[in-house]
Amino acid sequence: MKGDKNKRFFVHLLPVYGTISTGLIYTAIGIIAILSFLQLKEGGADEGSLLAFMYDYLAGKIFVWVVLLGTLSYIIWRIFEAIRDPYNYGNTWRGISRRLGIGLSSIADIFIAYSALMVILGISDIREDGRPEEEREMVGSMLQEGWGDMAIISIGVIIMLTAVVQLYYGITRGYRERQDIAHFGKEIKKLIHFLGLFGYAARGIIIGIIGFFFIKAGTTDNPTFVVNTDKAFDFLGDHVGYLAFILIAIGTISYGFFMFFLGATYDPYNEKKKSEAD
């Protein structure tokens, strides 16, 4: 009995730690985007660039390790969640599609964990100013192969699908079964849902832009079209308008704050629904 309790406690820590570390990185990215807009910092509003910048400092090294371990925890939890189905989505086409969406949503975490690991090992060329040179070099190498263009297009399509999942998740409040917020007041609940909608919409738009330019790079055999989060922000500012840039930057910070709330209220075993059923 005690072993089962300890096991459940450990599993509970995976999504809590993962969501809080995700909140840290996206809050920081949103702040850096605003600082860049105000010309107080030269770019760097990207996951990899942020980690490379932070690793220059002692506190930053701790931050990078926290992010690496947190994202790994969240990836493990997402795999567990998709396989074990604690929220009872089932094996219908709808249930399977929702569980597949869980898998797609972990792609961003995989890239963050990869970037953090490369920064720690010191074997990456990630730029602190946000220029996606490493990503473009990788895509350029792939385009040298006969299958490269289709592979890049496929990656772009997967990223676009991930963006759609993010938008759908925010609009439909798909996170509700993961949160136990019944004890909160009405205003706090409204704040949480607002942060969720605004945050997931901002992330969906940024991810969608990244996916679009991956597809464009594949269809034109031109790796210079590849963008990361930082350059997706720049695209918004240059082609949509400064208001869009600021709104998405604030939305990214909102996403970070929402992830803090999600971590603090996470219900990994769907206990809320079970108690309601009782």
Protein backbone atom coordinates (compact mmCIF):
# COMPACT_ATOMS: atom_id res chain seq x y z
CA MET A 1 0.00 0.00 0.00
CA LYS A 2 2.79 2.40 0.95
CA GLY A 3 4.68 1.50 -2.25
CA ASP A 4 1.63 2.30 -4.38
CA LYS A 5 1.21 5.63 -2.59
CA ASN A 6 4.86 6.55 -3.18
CA LYS A 7 4.58 5.53 -6.83
CA ARG A 8 1.49 7.69 -7.32
CA PHE A 9 3.25 10.61 -5.63
CA PHE A 10 6.25 10.24 -7.96
CA VAL A 11 4.03 10.06 -11.04
CA HIS A 12 2.14 13.12 -9.80
CA LEU A 13 5.44 15.05 -9.71
CA LEU A 14 6.13 14.45 -13.41
CA PRO A 15 3.39 16.71 -14.85
CA VAL A 16 3.68 19.21 -11.99
CA TYR A 17 7.41 19.68 -12.47
CA GLY A 18 7.02 19.61 -16.25
CA THR A 19 4.31 22.28 -16.42
CA ILE A 20 6.13 24.60 -14.01
CA SER A 21 9.40 24.39 -15.99
CA THR A 22 7.42 25.03 -19.19
CA GLY A 23 5.87 28.05 -17.49
CA LEU A 24 9.35 29.36 -16.66
CA ILE A 25 10.66 29.16 -20.20
CA TYR A 26 7.63 30.69 -21.95
CA THR A 27 7.26 33.48 -19.43
CA ALA A 28 10.91 34.32 -20.09
CA ILE A 29 10.46 34.11 -23.89
CA GLY A 30 7.50 36.49 -23.79
CA ILE A 31 9.44 38.97 -21.66
CA ILE A 32 12.45 38.79 -23.99
CA ALA A 33 10.17 39.36 -27.00
CA ILE A 34 8.86 42.55 -25.38
CA LEU A 35 12.41 43.66 -24.46
CA SER A 36 13.42 43.03 -28.07
CA PHE A 37 10.47 45.09 -29.30
CA LEU A 38 11.55 47.94 -27.01
CA GLN A 39 15.13 47.54 -28.36
CA LEU A 40 16.42 46.73 -24.89
CA LYS A 41 17.71 43.33 -26.08
CA GLU A 42 18.85 42.08 -29.47
CA GLY A 43 16.56 39.16 -30.29
CA GLY A 44 16.74 35.84 -28.48
CA ALA A 45 12.98 35.23 -27.96
CA ASP A 46 13.41 31.56 -28.79
CA GLU A 47 13.65 28.44 -26.66
CA GLY A 48 17.17 27.47 -27.74
CA SER A 49 18.48 31.04 -27.76
CA LEU A 50 17.11 31.66 -24.27
CA LEU A 51 18.81 28.56 -22.92
CA ALA A 52 22.12 29.45 -24.61
CA PHE A 53 21.93 32.98 -23.19
CA MET A 54 21.07 31.78 -19.68
CA TYR A 55 23.89 29.22 -19.63
CA ASP A 56 26.46 32.04 -19.58
CA TYR A 57 25.56 32.68 -15.92
CA LEU A 58 25.67 30.52 -12.79
CA ALA A 59 21.97 31.03 -12.02
CA GLY A 60 21.28 30.44 -15.71
CA LYS A 61 23.01 27.06 -15.60
CA ILE A 62 20.63 26.06 -12.80
CA PHE A 63 17.72 27.36 -14.90
CA VAL A 64 18.80 25.25 -17.91
CA TRP A 65 19.07 22.11 -15.78
CA VAL A 66 15.64 22.79 -14.28
CA VAL A 67 14.18 23.18 -17.77
CA LEU A 68 15.89 20.03 -19.08
CA LEU A 69 14.71 17.82 -16.19
CA GLY A 70 11.26 19.41 -16.26
CA THR A 71 10.71 18.89 -19.97
CA LEU A 72 11.96 15.31 -19.73
CA SER A 73 9.49 14.75 -16.89
CA TYR A 74 6.66 16.18 -18.97
CA ILE A 75 7.58 14.08 -22.02
CA ILE A 76 7.53 10.93 -19.88
CA TRP A 77 4.17 11.95 -18.43
CA ARG A 78 2.68 12.66 -21.88
CA ILE A 79 3.75 9.22 -23.11
CA PHE A 80 2.27 7.65 -19.97
CA GLU A 81 -0.90 9.69 -20.44
CA ALA A 82 -1.34 8.70 -24.09
CA ILE A 83 -0.80 4.99 -23.36
CA ARG A 84 -2.54 4.56 -19.99
CA ASP A 85 -5.38 6.98 -20.77
CA PRO A 86 -6.09 8.18 -17.19
CA TYR A 87 -8.77 10.59 -18.49
CA ASN A 88 -10.72 7.78 -20.17
CA TYR A 89 -10.71 9.11 -23.72
CA GLY A 90 -11.19 5.54 -24.90
CA ASN A 91 -10.38 3.72 -28.14
CA THR A 92 -13.00 5.30 -30.37
CA TRP A 93 -11.77 7.40 -33.29
CA ARG A 94 -12.37 10.52 -31.21
CA GLY A 95 -10.56 9.11 -28.19
CA ILE A 96 -7.61 7.97 -30.28
CA SER A 97 -7.40 11.36 -31.99
CA ARG A 98 -7.33 13.09 -28.59
CA ARG A 99 -4.60 10.75 -27.39
CA LEU A 100 -2.68 11.40 -30.61
CA GLY A 101 -3.05 15.11 -29.90
CA ILE A 102 -1.38 14.50 -26.54
CA GLY A 103 1.58 13.03 -28.40
CA LEU A 104 1.76 15.93 -30.84
CA SER A 105 1.68 18.44 -28.00
CA SER A 106 4.92 16.98 -26.62
CA ILE A 107 6.90 17.83 -29.79
CA ALA A 108 7.73 21.32 -28.50
CA ASP A 109 8.96 19.78 -25.23
CA ILE A 110 11.21 17.38 -27.16
CA PHE A 111 12.82 20.30 -29.01
CA ILE A 112 13.30 22.21 -25.74
CA ALA A 113 14.91 19.19 -24.06
CA TYR A 114 17.15 18.66 -27.09
CA SER A 115 18.25 22.33 -27.08
CA ALA A 116 18.93 22.25 -23.32
CA LEU A 117 21.01 19.09 -23.67
CA MET A 118 23.04 20.54 -26.57
CA VAL A 119 23.68 23.74 -24.60
CA ILE A 120 24.81 21.78 -21.52
CA LEU A 121 27.11 19.57 -23.58
CA GLY A 122 28.44 22.59 -25.46
CA ILE A 123 28.08 20.94 -28.87
CA SER A 124 25.54 23.25 -30.48
CA ASP A 125 25.79 26.42 -32.54
CA ILE A 126 22.60 27.90 -31.10
CA ARG A 127 22.82 31.67 -31.37
CA GLU A 128 21.85 33.88 -28.45
CA ASP A 129 20.41 36.52 -30.79
CA GLY A 130 17.68 34.19 -32.03
CA ARG A 131 18.93 33.65 -35.59
CA PRO A 132 17.98 30.07 -36.61
CA GLU A 133 21.29 29.25 -38.28
CA GLU A 134 21.53 25.76 -36.80
CA GLU A 135 17.97 24.88 -37.90
CA ARG A 136 18.62 26.21 -41.40
CA GLU A 137 21.88 24.29 -41.65
CA MET A 138 20.06 21.09 -40.64
CA VAL A 139 17.30 21.69 -43.20
CA GLY A 140 19.90 22.54 -45.86
CA SER A 141 21.67 19.23 -45.22
CA MET A 142 18.39 17.34 -45.50
CA LEU A 143 17.53 19.09 -48.76
CA GLN A 144 20.74 17.71 -50.25
CA GLU A 145 19.12 14.27 -50.14
CA GLY A 146 16.55 13.06 -52.65
CA TRP A 147 13.96 12.56 -49.92
CA GLY A 148 14.80 15.81 -48.14
CA ASP A 149 12.09 18.07 -49.56
CA MET A 150 9.30 15.65 -48.68
CA ALA A 151 10.76 15.13 -45.21
CA ILE A 152 10.86 18.89 -44.55
CA ILE A 153 7.31 19.31 -45.86
CA SER A 154 6.15 16.44 -43.63
CA ILE A 155 7.79 18.05 -40.60
CA GLY A 156 6.03 21.30 -41.48
CA VAL A 157 2.67 19.54 -41.73
CA ILE A 158 3.19 17.88 -38.33
CA ILE A 159 4.10 21.24 -36.80
CA MET A 160 0.99 22.80 -38.37
CA LEU A 161 -1.16 20.01 -36.91
CA THR A 162 0.43 20.69 -33.53
CA ALA A 163 -0.59 24.35 -33.90
CA VAL A 164 -4.19 23.32 -34.63
CA VAL A 165 -4.17 21.08 -31.53
CA GLN A 166 -2.94 24.01 -29.41
CA LEU A 167 -5.68 26.30 -30.72
CA TYR A 168 -8.38 23.63 -30.28
CA TYR A 169 -7.14 22.84 -26.78
CA GLY A 170 -7.37 26.47 -25.71
CA ILE A 171 -10.75 27.15 -27.31
CA THR A 172 -12.43 24.00 -25.98
CA ARG A 173 -10.69 24.16 -22.56
CA GLY A 174 -9.36 20.68 -23.14
CA TYR A 175 -7.20 21.07 -20.06
CA ARG A 176 -10.22 21.05 -17.70
CA GLU A 177 -10.07 17.38 -16.76
CA ARG A 178 -6.43 17.89 -15.78
CA GLN A 179 -7.23 20.68 -13.34
CA ASP A 180 -8.92 20.56 -9.97
CA ILE A 181 -10.01 24.18 -9.47
CA ALA A 182 -13.42 23.64 -7.89
CA HIS A 183 -12.23 25.23 -4.64
CA PHE A 184 -11.25 28.48 -6.36
CA GLY A 185 -13.51 31.51 -6.53
CA LYS A 186 -15.33 32.56 -9.69
CA GLU A 187 -12.87 35.35 -10.56
CA ILE A 188 -9.82 33.09 -10.23
CA LYS A 189 -11.48 30.50 -12.47
CA LYS A 190 -12.18 33.18 -15.08
CA LEU A 191 -8.55 34.29 -14.90
CA ILE A 192 -7.29 30.74 -15.39
CA HIS A 193 -9.54 30.18 -18.42
CA PHE A 194 -8.56 33.55 -19.90
CA LEU A 195 -4.86 32.74 -19.53
CA GLY A 196 -5.48 29.32 -21.07
CA LEU A 197 -7.35 30.68 -24.09
CA PHE A 198 -4.96 33.60 -24.69
CA GLY A 199 -1.88 31.49 -24.04
CA TYR A 200 -2.79 28.51 -26.21
CA ALA A 201 -3.89 30.85 -29.01
CA ALA A 202 -0.53 32.66 -28.90
CA ARG A 203 1.41 29.39 -28.89
CA GLY A 204 -0.75 28.01 -31.70
CA ILE A 205 -0.10 31.06 -33.87
CA ILE A 206 3.68 30.97 -33.31
CA ILE A 207 3.85 27.22 -33.95
CA GLY A 208 1.66 27.62 -37.04
CA ILE A 209 4.04 30.23 -38.49
CA ILE A 210 7.00 27.93 -37.87
CA GLY A 211 5.20 25.03 -39.58
CA PHE A 212 4.20 27.18 -42.56
CA PHE A 213 7.79 28.23 -43.22
CA PHE A 214 9.04 24.65 -42.89
CA ILE A 215 6.59 23.71 -45.64
CA LYS A 216 7.75 26.70 -47.71
CA ALA A 217 11.39 25.69 -47.24
CA GLY A 218 10.58 22.18 -48.45
CA THR A 219 8.54 23.26 -51.47
CA THR A 220 11.15 25.81 -52.62
CA ASP A 221 14.29 23.85 -51.62
CA ASN A 222 15.37 26.97 -49.75
CA PRO A 223 16.41 26.49 -46.08
CA THR A 224 16.56 30.26 -45.47
CA PHE A 225 12.76 30.24 -45.14
CA VAL A 226 13.03 28.23 -41.89
CA VAL A 227 12.10 30.26 -38.81
CA ASN A 228 12.14 29.62 -35.09
CA THR A 229 10.07 31.26 -32.33
CA ASP A 230 12.15 34.45 -32.42
CA LYS A 231 11.78 34.88 -36.19
CA ALA A 232 8.09 33.99 -36.00
CA PHE A 233 7.73 36.99 -33.70
CA ASP A 234 9.65 39.08 -36.24
CA PHE A 235 7.33 37.91 -39.01
CA LEU A 236 4.34 39.11 -37.01
CA GLY A 237 5.92 42.48 -36.37
CA ASP A 238 7.10 42.98 -39.96
CA HIS A 239 4.10 41.63 -41.88
CA VAL A 240 1.09 41.76 -39.56
CA GLY A 241 1.89 44.71 -37.32
CA TYR A 242 3.43 45.74 -34.03
CA LEU A 243 0.13 45.26 -32.21
CA ALA A 244 0.09 41.59 -33.24
CA PHE A 245 3.69 41.24 -32.03
CA ILE A 246 2.86 42.69 -28.61
CA LEU A 247 -0.36 40.68 -28.25
CA ILE A 248 1.39 37.39 -29.05
CA ALA A 249 4.27 38.27 -26.70
CA ILE A 250 1.78 38.96 -23.89
CA GLY A 251 -0.06 35.79 -24.89
CA THR A 252 3.20 33.85 -24.54
CA ILE A 253 3.64 35.22 -21.02
CA SER A 254 0.00 34.30 -20.35
CA TYR A 255 0.78 30.76 -21.50
CA GLY A 256 3.64 30.66 -18.99
CA PHE A 257 1.40 31.86 -16.16
CA PHE A 258 -1.30 29.37 -17.17
CA MET A 259 1.24 26.54 -16.97
CA PHE A 260 2.07 27.63 -13.39
CA PHE A 261 -1.64 27.37 -12.54
CA LEU A 262 -1.85 24.03 -14.33
CA GLY A 263 1.07 22.66 -12.35
CA ALA A 264 -0.37 23.87 -9.05
CA THR A 265 -3.77 22.28 -9.73
CA TYR A 266 -2.83 19.20 -11.81
CA ASP A 267 -5.09 16.18 -11.34
CA PRO A 268 -3.06 13.36 -12.95
CA TYR A 269 -5.32 10.50 -11.92
CA ASN A 270 -8.59 12.24 -12.73
CA GLU A 271 -9.51 12.11 -9.04
CA LYS A 272 -11.88 15.07 -9.43
CA LYS A 273 -14.09 13.14 -11.86
CA LYS A 274 -13.94 10.01 -9.70
CA SER A 275 -15.00 11.92 -6.60
CA GLU A 276 -17.87 13.53 -8.51
CA ALA A 277 -18.98 10.09 -9.66
CA ASP A 278 -18.97 8.86 -6.06
